[in-house]
Amino acid sequence: MDPIALLPFIVIIGAMFLMTRSAKKKQRQAMQMRDQMQPGTGIRTIGGMYAVVKEIREDSVLVEIEPGTHALFAKNAIGAVLSDEEFDRITNGPEGEEFDVDTVVPDDASSLTQEEDTSSEAKLDLAKKDADASDAAEDKDGEEPAAGSDEAKAAAEESDTVQAKDGKRDEDADSK
């Protein structure tokens, strides 16, 4: 067999070896990082939650999210073990300012909106309108306007525009 014909296969196998080696190295580093955890250490989960380690078990970690609030996470869910300075900076905010945790979140969005005017004038007209220009040209009493009025001219122009658009659509459909 020709050695040049084997060259692509050798390159592919070499690339696969390097990729798996890199992945194993990252897994080993993550395992070492998780082994560094001790009770009292600040962590960040893979979901972005910051907490303090309270207890380390075989495959899980008990963390305190807030004083009195505990949660149990799998060891694999720990994204980073943070230094004390970094954890304090993140959880206490810049220059030691505490986050406002007294914010009340409502159960529904109705309390977030201000009272609006609910009169009939403020409501939208969602009724379906006819495309027929003669219906649009009728005034409130149901009578058609005089032939020379501005409303009649506007209605006639609208009718011509609608018919032109419909004709153009028909021509486009026929040409395809």
C-alpha atoms as a PDB file:
ATOM      1  CA  MET A   1       0.000   0.000   0.000  1.00  0.00           C
ATOM      2  CA  ASP A   2       1.136   3.515  -0.763  1.00  0.00           C
ATOM      3  CA  PRO A   3       2.139   5.541   2.385  1.00  0.00           C
ATOM      4  CA  ILE A   4       0.733   8.740   0.861  1.00  0.00           C
ATOM      5  CA  ALA A   5      -2.742   7.169   0.687  1.00  0.00           C
ATOM      6  CA  LEU A   6      -2.567   6.486   4.451  1.00  0.00           C
ATOM      7  CA  LEU A   7      -1.604  10.086   5.287  1.00  0.00           C
ATOM      8  CA  PRO A   8      -5.210  11.450   5.562  1.00  0.00           C
ATOM      9  CA  PHE A   9      -6.153   8.624   7.952  1.00  0.00           C
ATOM     10  CA  ILE A  10      -3.080   9.256  10.100  1.00  0.00           C
ATOM     11  CA  VAL A  11      -3.889  12.995  10.291  1.00  0.00           C
ATOM     12  CA  ILE A  12      -7.498  12.294  11.308  1.00  0.00           C
ATOM     13  CA  ILE A  13      -6.452   9.825  14.010  1.00  0.00           C
ATOM     14  CA  GLY A  14      -3.851  12.302  15.319  1.00  0.00           C
ATOM     15  CA  ALA A  15      -6.452  15.105  15.492  1.00  0.00           C
ATOM     16  CA  MET A  16      -8.890  12.858  17.385  1.00  0.00           C
ATOM     17  CA  PHE A  17      -6.129  11.926  19.856  1.00  0.00           C
ATOM     18  CA  LEU A  18      -5.284  15.589  20.507  1.00  0.00           C
ATOM     19  CA  MET A  19      -8.952  16.530  20.974  1.00  0.00           C
ATOM     20  CA  THR A  20      -9.623  13.748  23.492  1.00  0.00           C
ATOM     21  CA  ARG A  21      -6.405  14.587  25.341  1.00  0.00           C
ATOM     22  CA  SER A  22      -7.491  18.225  25.649  1.00  0.00           C
ATOM     23  CA  ALA A  23     -10.955  17.230  26.924  1.00  0.00           C
ATOM     24  CA  LYS A  24      -9.459  14.870  29.513  1.00  0.00           C
ATOM     25  CA  LYS A  25      -7.117  17.634  30.688  1.00  0.00           C
ATOM     26  CA  LYS A  26     -10.082  19.997  31.213  1.00  0.00           C
ATOM     27  CA  GLN A  27     -11.995  17.295  33.110  1.00  0.00           C
ATOM     28  CA  ARG A  28      -8.986  16.679  35.341  1.00  0.00           C
ATOM     29  CA  GLN A  29      -8.659  20.410  36.099  1.00  0.00           C
ATOM     30  CA  ALA A  30     -12.385  20.637  36.960  1.00  0.00           C
ATOM     31  CA  MET A  31     -12.093  17.639  39.285  1.00  0.00           C
ATOM     32  CA  GLN A  32      -9.088  19.193  41.048  1.00  0.00           C
ATOM     33  CA  MET A  33     -10.990  22.470  41.428  1.00  0.00           C
ATOM     34  CA  ARG A  34     -13.960  20.649  43.000  1.00  0.00           C
ATOM     35  CA  ASP A  35     -11.608  18.791  45.345  1.00  0.00           C
ATOM     36  CA  GLN A  36     -10.338  22.174  46.613  1.00  0.00           C
ATOM     37  CA  MET A  37     -13.782  22.959  48.012  1.00  0.00           C
ATOM     38  CA  GLN A  38     -14.022  23.151  51.774  1.00  0.00           C
ATOM     39  CA  PRO A  39     -16.864  24.219  54.044  1.00  0.00           C
ATOM     40  CA  GLY A  40     -17.004  28.027  54.004  1.00  0.00           C
ATOM     41  CA  THR A  41     -15.671  28.331  50.436  1.00  0.00           C
ATOM     42  CA  GLY A  42     -17.588  30.539  47.988  1.00  0.00           C
ATOM     43  CA  ILE A  43     -18.675  28.858  44.759  1.00  0.00           C
ATOM     44  CA  ARG A  44     -20.522  29.622  41.512  1.00  0.00           C
ATOM     45  CA  THR A  45     -22.745  26.924  40.026  1.00  0.00           C
ATOM     46  CA  ILE A  46     -22.944  26.219  36.319  1.00  0.00           C
ATOM     47  CA  GLY A  47     -26.311  28.013  36.399  1.00  0.00           C
ATOM     48  CA  GLY A  48     -24.695  31.191  37.742  1.00  0.00           C
ATOM     49  CA  MET A  49     -25.835  30.962  41.383  1.00  0.00           C
ATOM     50  CA  TYR A  50     -23.371  32.091  44.051  1.00  0.00           C
ATOM     51  CA  ALA A  51     -23.351  30.265  47.380  1.00  0.00           C
ATOM     52  CA  VAL A  52     -21.187  29.197  50.317  1.00  0.00           C
ATOM     53  CA  VAL A  53     -20.302  25.509  50.791  1.00  0.00           C
ATOM     54  CA  LYS A  54     -21.699  24.126  54.043  1.00  0.00           C
ATOM     55  CA  GLU A  55     -21.115  20.385  53.679  1.00  0.00           C
ATOM     56  CA  ILE A  56     -19.354  18.180  51.136  1.00  0.00           C
ATOM     57  CA  ARG A  57     -20.744  14.706  50.529  1.00  0.00           C
ATOM     58  CA  GLU A  58     -19.602  11.916  48.211  1.00  0.00           C
ATOM     59  CA  ASP A  59     -21.342  13.087  45.022  1.00  0.00           C
ATOM     60  CA  SER A  60     -23.126  16.215  46.228  1.00  0.00           C
ATOM     61  CA  VAL A  61     -22.534  19.509  47.994  1.00  0.00           C
ATOM     62  CA  LEU A  62     -24.826  21.245  50.481  1.00  0.00           C
ATOM     63  CA  VAL A  63     -24.618  25.012  49.952  1.00  0.00           C
ATOM     64  CA  GLU A  64     -26.093  28.033  51.703  1.00  0.00           C
ATOM     65  CA  ILE A  65     -27.541  30.450  49.170  1.00  0.00           C
ATOM     66  CA  GLU A  66     -28.680  32.990  51.754  1.00  0.00           C
ATOM     67  CA  PRO A  67     -28.599  32.809  55.536  1.00  0.00           C
ATOM     68  CA  GLY A  68     -31.055  30.036  56.440  1.00  0.00           C
ATOM     69  CA  THR A  69     -31.576  28.908  52.808  1.00  0.00           C
ATOM     70  CA  HIS A  70     -29.803  25.681  51.876  1.00  0.00           C
ATOM     71  CA  ALA A  71     -29.710  23.716  48.625  1.00  0.00           C
ATOM     72  CA  LEU A  72     -28.177  20.427  47.571  1.00  0.00           C
ATOM     73  CA  PHE A  73     -26.185  20.395  44.313  1.00  0.00           C
ATOM     74  CA  ALA A  74     -24.354  17.642  42.461  1.00  0.00           C
ATOM     75  CA  LYS A  75     -20.585  18.130  42.510  1.00  0.00           C
ATOM     76  CA  ASN A  76     -20.646  18.333  38.713  1.00  0.00           C
ATOM     77  CA  ALA A  77     -22.908  21.409  38.966  1.00  0.00           C
ATOM     78  CA  ILE A  78     -20.148  23.463  40.612  1.00  0.00           C
ATOM     79  CA  GLY A  79     -18.753  25.723  37.911  1.00  0.00           C
ATOM     80  CA  ALA A  80     -16.020  27.527  39.874  1.00  0.00           C
ATOM     81  CA  VAL A  81     -14.511  27.688  43.320  1.00  0.00           C
ATOM     82  CA  LEU A  82     -13.935  31.362  44.099  1.00  0.00           C
ATOM     83  CA  SER A  83     -11.354  33.039  46.293  1.00  0.00           C
ATOM     84  CA  ASP A  84     -12.696  34.798  49.391  1.00  0.00           C
ATOM     85  CA  GLU A  85     -11.975  38.273  47.950  1.00  0.00           C
ATOM     86  CA  GLU A  86     -13.672  37.528  44.641  1.00  0.00           C
ATOM     87  CA  PHE A  87     -16.716  35.970  46.327  1.00  0.00           C
ATOM     88  CA  ASP A  88     -17.108  38.979  48.647  1.00  0.00           C
ATOM     89  CA  ARG A  89     -16.765  41.407  45.733  1.00  0.00           C
ATOM     90  CA  ILE A  90     -19.423  39.593  43.726  1.00  0.00           C
ATOM     91  CA  THR A  91     -21.936  38.972  46.496  1.00  0.00           C
ATOM     92  CA  ASN A  92     -21.572  42.290  48.333  1.00  0.00           C
ATOM     93  CA  GLY A  93     -21.355  44.496  45.272  1.00  0.00           C
ATOM     94  CA  PRO A  94     -18.814  47.227  44.534  1.00  0.00           C
ATOM     95  CA  GLU A  95     -17.146  48.860  47.538  1.00  0.00           C
ATOM     96  CA  GLY A  96     -18.951  46.587  50.007  1.00  0.00           C
ATOM     97  CA  GLU A  97     -22.480  47.848  49.183  1.00  0.00           C
ATOM     98  CA  GLU A  98     -25.156  45.286  49.941  1.00  0.00           C
ATOM     99  CA  PHE A  99     -27.716  44.311  47.306  1.00  0.00           C
ATOM    100  CA  ASP A 100     -31.307  45.374  47.956  1.00  0.00           C
ATOM    101  CA  VAL A 101     -32.954  42.070  48.858  1.00  0.00           C
ATOM    102  CA  ASP A 102     -36.160  43.633  50.191  1.00  0.00           C
ATOM    103  CA  THR A 103     -37.640  43.976  46.701  1.00  0.00           C
ATOM    104  CA  VAL A 104     -41.119  42.454  46.438  1.00  0.00           C
ATOM    105  CA  VAL A 105     -41.952  40.690  43.195  1.00  0.00           C
ATOM    106  CA  PRO A 106     -45.705  40.612  42.424  1.00  0.00           C
ATOM    107  CA  ASP A 107     -47.467  37.380  41.520  1.00  0.00           C
ATOM    108  CA  ASP A 108     -49.014  38.862  38.385  1.00  0.00           C
ATOM    109  CA  ALA A 109     -48.198  41.671  35.981  1.00  0.00           C
ATOM    110  CA  SER A 110     -51.436  43.577  36.572  1.00  0.00           C
ATOM    111  CA  SER A 111     -49.971  45.422  39.538  1.00  0.00           C
ATOM    112  CA  LEU A 112     -47.051  46.625  37.407  1.00  0.00           C
ATOM    113  CA  THR A 113     -49.246  48.660  35.070  1.00  0.00           C
ATOM    114  CA  GLN A 114     -50.771  51.962  36.045  1.00  0.00           C
ATOM    115  CA  GLU A 115     -54.484  52.519  36.049  1.00  0.00           C
ATOM    116  CA  GLU A 116     -55.486  53.514  32.542  1.00  0.00           C
ATOM    117  CA  ASP A 117     -58.580  55.272  31.281  1.00  0.00           C
ATOM    118  CA  THR A 118     -61.011  52.479  30.413  1.00  0.00           C
ATOM    119  CA  SER A 119     -63.549  54.665  28.634  1.00  0.00           C
ATOM    120  CA  SER A 120     -64.823  53.674  25.223  1.00  0.00           C
ATOM    121  CA  GLU A 121     -62.645  56.339  23.611  1.00  0.00           C
ATOM    122  CA  ALA A 122     -59.464  54.702  24.893  1.00  0.00           C
ATOM    123  CA  LYS A 123     -60.377  51.263  23.524  1.00  0.00           C
ATOM    124  CA  LEU A 124     -59.214  50.189  20.100  1.00  0.00           C
ATOM    125  CA  ASP A 125     -61.686  49.377  17.370  1.00  0.00           C
ATOM    126  CA  LEU A 126     -60.861  45.778  16.461  1.00  0.00           C
ATOM    127  CA  ALA A 127     -63.827  45.279  14.145  1.00  0.00           C
ATOM    128  CA  LYS A 128     -63.025  43.901  10.722  1.00  0.00           C
ATOM    129  CA  LYS A 129     -63.437  46.525   8.036  1.00  0.00           C
ATOM    130  CA  ASP A 130     -64.737  45.801   4.554  1.00  0.00           C
ATOM    131  CA  ALA A 131     -62.426  46.430   1.616  1.00  0.00           C
ATOM    132  CA  ASP A 132     -65.336  47.709  -0.465  1.00  0.00           C
ATOM    133  CA  ALA A 133     -64.841  51.456  -1.038  1.00  0.00           C
ATOM    134  CA  SER A 134     -68.567  52.170  -1.079  1.00  0.00           C
ATOM    135  CA  ASP A 135     -68.918  50.937   2.508  1.00  0.00           C
ATOM    136  CA  ALA A 136     -65.950  53.077   3.560  1.00  0.00           C
ATOM    137  CA  ALA A 137     -67.465  56.149   1.885  1.00  0.00           C
ATOM    138  CA  GLU A 138     -70.765  55.907   3.755  1.00  0.00           C
ATOM    139  CA  ASP A 139     -71.129  58.376   6.565  1.00  0.00           C
ATOM    140  CA  LYS A 140     -72.479  57.628  10.018  1.00  0.00           C
ATOM    141  CA  ASP A 141     -76.168  57.598   9.018  1.00  0.00           C
ATOM    142  CA  GLY A 142     -75.602  54.981   6.307  1.00  0.00           C
ATOM    143  CA  GLU A 143     -76.159  57.438   3.460  1.00  0.00           C
ATOM    144  CA  GLU A 144     -73.685  57.820   0.631  1.00  0.00           C
ATOM    145  CA  PRO A 145     -72.104  61.274   0.337  1.00  0.00           C
ATOM    146  CA  ALA A 146     -72.850  63.588  -2.532  1.00  0.00           C
ATOM    147  CA  ALA A 147     -70.939  62.917  -5.759  1.00  0.00           C
ATOM    148  CA  GLY A 148     -68.941  66.161  -5.560  1.00  0.00           C
ATOM    149  CA  SER A 149     -67.930  65.916  -1.908  1.00  0.00           C
ATOM    150  CA  ASP A 150     -64.400  65.360  -0.691  1.00  0.00           C
ATOM    151  CA  GLU A 151     -65.404  62.104   0.961  1.00  0.00           C
ATOM    152  CA  ALA A 152     -66.688  60.684  -2.329  1.00  0.00           C
ATOM    153  CA  LYS A 153     -63.450  61.643  -4.102  1.00  0.00           C
ATOM    154  CA  ALA A 154     -61.353  60.036  -1.362  1.00  0.00           C
ATOM    155  CA  ALA A 155     -63.496  56.895  -1.501  1.00  0.00           C
ATOM    156  CA  ALA A 156     -63.160  56.691  -5.277  1.00  0.00           C
ATOM    157  CA  GLU A 157     -59.378  57.077  -5.062  1.00  0.00           C
ATOM    158  CA  GLU A 158     -59.194  54.394  -2.382  1.00  0.00           C
ATOM    159  CA  SER A 159     -61.320  52.089  -4.528  1.00  0.00           C
ATOM    160  CA  ASP A 160     -59.015  52.635  -7.517  1.00  0.00           C
ATOM    161  CA  THR A 161     -55.950  51.945  -5.356  1.00  0.00           C
ATOM    162  CA  VAL A 162     -57.444  48.727  -3.948  1.00  0.00           C
ATOM    163  CA  GLN A 163     -58.405  47.541  -7.425  1.00  0.00           C
ATOM    164  CA  ALA A 164     -54.956  48.377  -8.782  1.00  0.00           C
ATOM    165  CA  LYS A 165     -53.278  46.428  -5.981  1.00  0.00           C
ATOM    166  CA  ASP A 166     -55.598  43.462  -6.521  1.00  0.00           C
ATOM    167  CA  GLY A 167     -54.912  43.563 -10.243  1.00  0.00           C
ATOM    168  CA  LYS A 168     -51.190  43.674  -9.661  1.00  0.00           C
ATOM    169  CA  ARG A 169     -51.413  40.687  -7.306  1.00  0.00           C
ATOM    170  CA  ASP A 170     -53.418  38.756  -9.890  1.00  0.00           C
ATOM    171  CA  GLU A 171     -50.863  39.515 -12.608  1.00  0.00           C
ATOM    172  CA  ASP A 172     -48.020  38.419 -10.335  1.00  0.00           C
ATOM    173  CA  ALA A 173     -49.800  35.153  -9.575  1.00  0.00           C
ATOM    174  CA  ASP A 174     -50.532  34.519 -13.254  1.00  0.00           C
ATOM    175  CA  SER A 175     -46.979  35.196 -14.349  1.00  0.00           C
ATOM    176  CA  LYS A 176     -45.604  32.637 -11.913  1.00  0.00           C
END
